[in-house]
Amino acid sequence: MRGTALKVVAALLVVWLVMSVVGALVRGLFWLTVVGVLLFAGTAVYGYLRRRSPDQRSLP
């Protein structure tokens, strides 16, 4: 199950990256770049936190 979750996170990262590039290239869609970058960052943080083992989460 852990591998499946990481695959979903990786797929979302690719989607957000493509969305950001399209927003940067198409005139008038700058908002799409901003949304894509925010979603990319959020998904990357989520993936990083999910990747950590449960023992490391309890440490300060």
N, C-alpha and C. Protein backbone atom coordinates (compact mmCIF):
# COMPACT_ATOMS: atom_id res chain seq x y z
N MET A 1 0.83 -1.20 0.00
CA MET A 1 0.00 0.00 0.00
C MET A 1 0.87 1.26 0.00
N ARG A 2 2.00 1.21 0.67
CA ARG A 2 2.87 2.37 0.76
C ARG A 2 3.41 2.75 -0.62
N GLY A 3 3.75 1.74 -1.43
CA GLY A 3 4.24 1.99 -2.77
C GLY A 3 3.18 2.63 -3.65
N THR A 4 1.94 2.22 -3.49
CA THR A 4 0.84 2.77 -4.26
C THR A 4 0.62 4.24 -3.93
N ALA A 5 0.71 4.58 -2.66
CA ALA A 5 0.53 5.98 -2.25
C ALA A 5 1.63 6.85 -2.85
N LEU A 6 2.86 6.34 -2.85
CA LEU A 6 3.96 7.13 -3.43
C LEU A 6 3.79 7.29 -4.93
N LYS A 7 3.23 6.29 -5.60
CA LYS A 7 2.98 6.40 -7.04
C LYS A 7 1.93 7.46 -7.31
N VAL A 8 0.91 7.53 -6.48
CA VAL A 8 -0.14 8.54 -6.64
C VAL A 8 0.45 9.94 -6.42
N VAL A 9 1.28 10.08 -5.39
CA VAL A 9 1.91 11.38 -5.12
C VAL A 9 2.81 11.77 -6.29
N ALA A 10 3.58 10.82 -6.81
CA ALA A 10 4.45 11.12 -7.95
C ALA A 10 3.63 11.53 -9.17
N ALA A 11 2.51 10.85 -9.42
CA ALA A 11 1.65 11.20 -10.55
C ALA A 11 1.08 12.60 -10.37
N LEU A 12 0.66 12.93 -9.16
CA LEU A 12 0.14 14.28 -8.90
C LEU A 12 1.22 15.34 -9.11
N LEU A 13 2.45 15.04 -8.70
CA LEU A 13 3.54 15.98 -8.92
C LEU A 13 3.75 16.25 -10.40
N VAL A 14 3.66 15.20 -11.22
CA VAL A 14 3.82 15.38 -12.67
C VAL A 14 2.68 16.22 -13.22
N VAL A 15 1.45 15.95 -12.79
CA VAL A 15 0.29 16.71 -13.27
C VAL A 15 0.44 18.19 -12.90
N TRP A 16 0.83 18.47 -11.66
CA TRP A 16 0.97 19.87 -11.23
C TRP A 16 2.09 20.56 -12.00
N LEU A 17 3.18 19.82 -12.27
CA LEU A 17 4.29 20.40 -13.02
C LEU A 17 3.86 20.75 -14.45
N VAL A 18 3.14 19.85 -15.10
CA VAL A 18 2.65 20.11 -16.46
C VAL A 18 1.70 21.29 -16.45
N MET A 19 0.82 21.34 -15.46
CA MET A 19 -0.14 22.43 -15.35
C MET A 19 0.59 23.77 -15.19
N SER A 20 1.67 23.79 -14.41
CA SER A 20 2.44 25.02 -14.21
C SER A 20 3.11 25.46 -15.50
N VAL A 21 3.67 24.51 -16.23
CA VAL A 21 4.35 24.85 -17.49
C VAL A 21 3.35 25.38 -18.51
N VAL A 22 2.20 24.74 -18.63
CA VAL A 22 1.18 25.20 -19.57
C VAL A 22 0.72 26.61 -19.19
N GLY A 23 0.54 26.85 -17.90
CA GLY A 23 0.13 28.17 -17.45
C GLY A 23 1.17 29.23 -17.76
N ALA A 24 2.44 28.85 -17.71
CA ALA A 24 3.51 29.81 -18.01
C ALA A 24 3.62 30.07 -19.51
N LEU A 25 3.30 29.09 -20.33
CA LEU A 25 3.47 29.23 -21.77
C LEU A 25 2.27 29.87 -22.47
N VAL A 26 1.08 29.66 -21.95
CA VAL A 26 -0.13 30.18 -22.60
C VAL A 26 -0.43 31.57 -22.02
N ARG A 27 -0.51 32.51 -22.91
CA ARG A 27 -0.76 33.90 -22.49
C ARG A 27 -2.13 34.02 -21.81
N GLY A 28 -2.17 34.66 -20.69
CA GLY A 28 -3.42 34.87 -19.98
C GLY A 28 -3.74 33.78 -18.97
N LEU A 29 -2.87 32.79 -18.85
CA LEU A 29 -3.12 31.72 -17.89
C LEU A 29 -2.09 31.70 -16.77
N PHE A 30 -1.63 32.88 -16.37
CA PHE A 30 -0.64 32.95 -15.29
C PHE A 30 -1.20 32.37 -14.00
N TRP A 31 -2.50 32.51 -13.79
CA TRP A 31 -3.12 31.98 -12.59
C TRP A 31 -2.94 30.46 -12.52
N LEU A 32 -2.90 29.81 -13.68
CA LEU A 32 -2.70 28.37 -13.71
C LEU A 32 -1.31 28.01 -13.22
N THR A 33 -0.33 28.85 -13.52
CA THR A 33 1.03 28.64 -13.02
C THR A 33 1.05 28.75 -11.50
N VAL A 34 0.41 29.75 -10.97
CA VAL A 34 0.39 29.94 -9.52
C VAL A 34 -0.28 28.76 -8.83
N VAL A 35 -1.42 28.34 -9.32
CA VAL A 35 -2.14 27.20 -8.74
C VAL A 35 -1.29 25.94 -8.84
N GLY A 36 -0.67 25.72 -10.00
CA GLY A 36 0.16 24.54 -10.19
C GLY A 36 1.35 24.50 -9.25
N VAL A 37 2.00 25.65 -9.05
CA VAL A 37 3.14 25.70 -8.15
C VAL A 37 2.71 25.45 -6.71
N LEU A 38 1.59 26.03 -6.29
CA LEU A 38 1.10 25.80 -4.93
C LEU A 38 0.73 24.33 -4.71
N LEU A 39 0.03 23.73 -5.67
CA LEU A 39 -0.34 22.33 -5.54
C LEU A 39 0.89 21.42 -5.58
N PHE A 40 1.87 21.76 -6.42
CA PHE A 40 3.11 20.99 -6.48
C PHE A 40 3.81 21.01 -5.13
N ALA A 41 3.94 22.20 -4.55
CA ALA A 41 4.61 22.33 -3.25
C ALA A 41 3.86 21.55 -2.16
N GLY A 42 2.55 21.69 -2.14
CA GLY A 42 1.76 20.98 -1.14
C GLY A 42 1.87 19.47 -1.28
N THR A 43 1.83 18.98 -2.51
CA THR A 43 1.94 17.54 -2.74
C THR A 43 3.34 17.04 -2.39
N ALA A 44 4.36 17.83 -2.69
CA ALA A 44 5.73 17.43 -2.36
C ALA A 44 5.91 17.32 -0.84
N VAL A 45 5.37 18.27 -0.10
CA VAL A 45 5.46 18.21 1.36
C VAL A 45 4.69 17.00 1.88
N TYR A 46 3.51 16.77 1.37
CA TYR A 46 2.71 15.63 1.79
C TYR A 46 3.45 14.32 1.50
N GLY A 47 4.03 14.21 0.31
CA GLY A 47 4.77 13.01 -0.05
C GLY A 47 5.98 12.80 0.84
N TYR A 48 6.67 13.88 1.18
CA TYR A 48 7.82 13.78 2.07
C TYR A 48 7.39 13.29 3.45
N LEU A 49 6.30 13.83 3.96
CA LEU A 49 5.83 13.41 5.28
C LEU A 49 5.34 11.97 5.28
N ARG A 50 4.71 11.54 4.20
CA ARG A 50 4.23 10.15 4.10
C ARG A 50 5.39 9.17 3.96
N ARG A 51 6.49 9.64 3.37
CA ARG A 51 7.64 8.77 3.12
C ARG A 51 8.39 8.45 4.41
N ARG A 52 8.33 9.34 5.36
CA ARG A 52 9.02 9.11 6.63
C ARG A 52 8.41 7.95 7.37
N SER A 53 9.22 7.21 8.07
CA SER A 53 8.72 6.06 8.81
C SER A 53 7.96 6.54 10.05
N PRO A 54 7.04 5.72 10.58
CA PRO A 54 6.26 6.13 11.76
C PRO A 54 7.15 6.43 12.97
N ASP A 55 8.28 5.76 13.09
CA ASP A 55 9.17 6.02 14.23
C ASP A 55 9.75 7.42 14.17
N GLN A 56 10.05 7.91 13.00
CA GLN A 56 10.63 9.24 12.86
C GLN A 56 9.60 10.34 13.10
N ARG A 57 8.35 10.05 12.87
CA ARG A 57 7.30 11.07 13.07
C ARG A 57 7.14 11.44 14.52
N SER A 58 7.40 10.49 15.44
CA SER A 58 7.19 10.77 16.85
C SER A 58 8.36 11.50 17.49
N LEU A 59 9.50 11.58 16.77
CA LEU A 59 10.64 12.29 17.32
C LEU A 59 10.49 13.78 17.12
N PRO A 60 10.98 14.58 18.09
CA PRO A 60 10.88 16.04 17.93
C PRO A 60 11.80 16.57 16.88
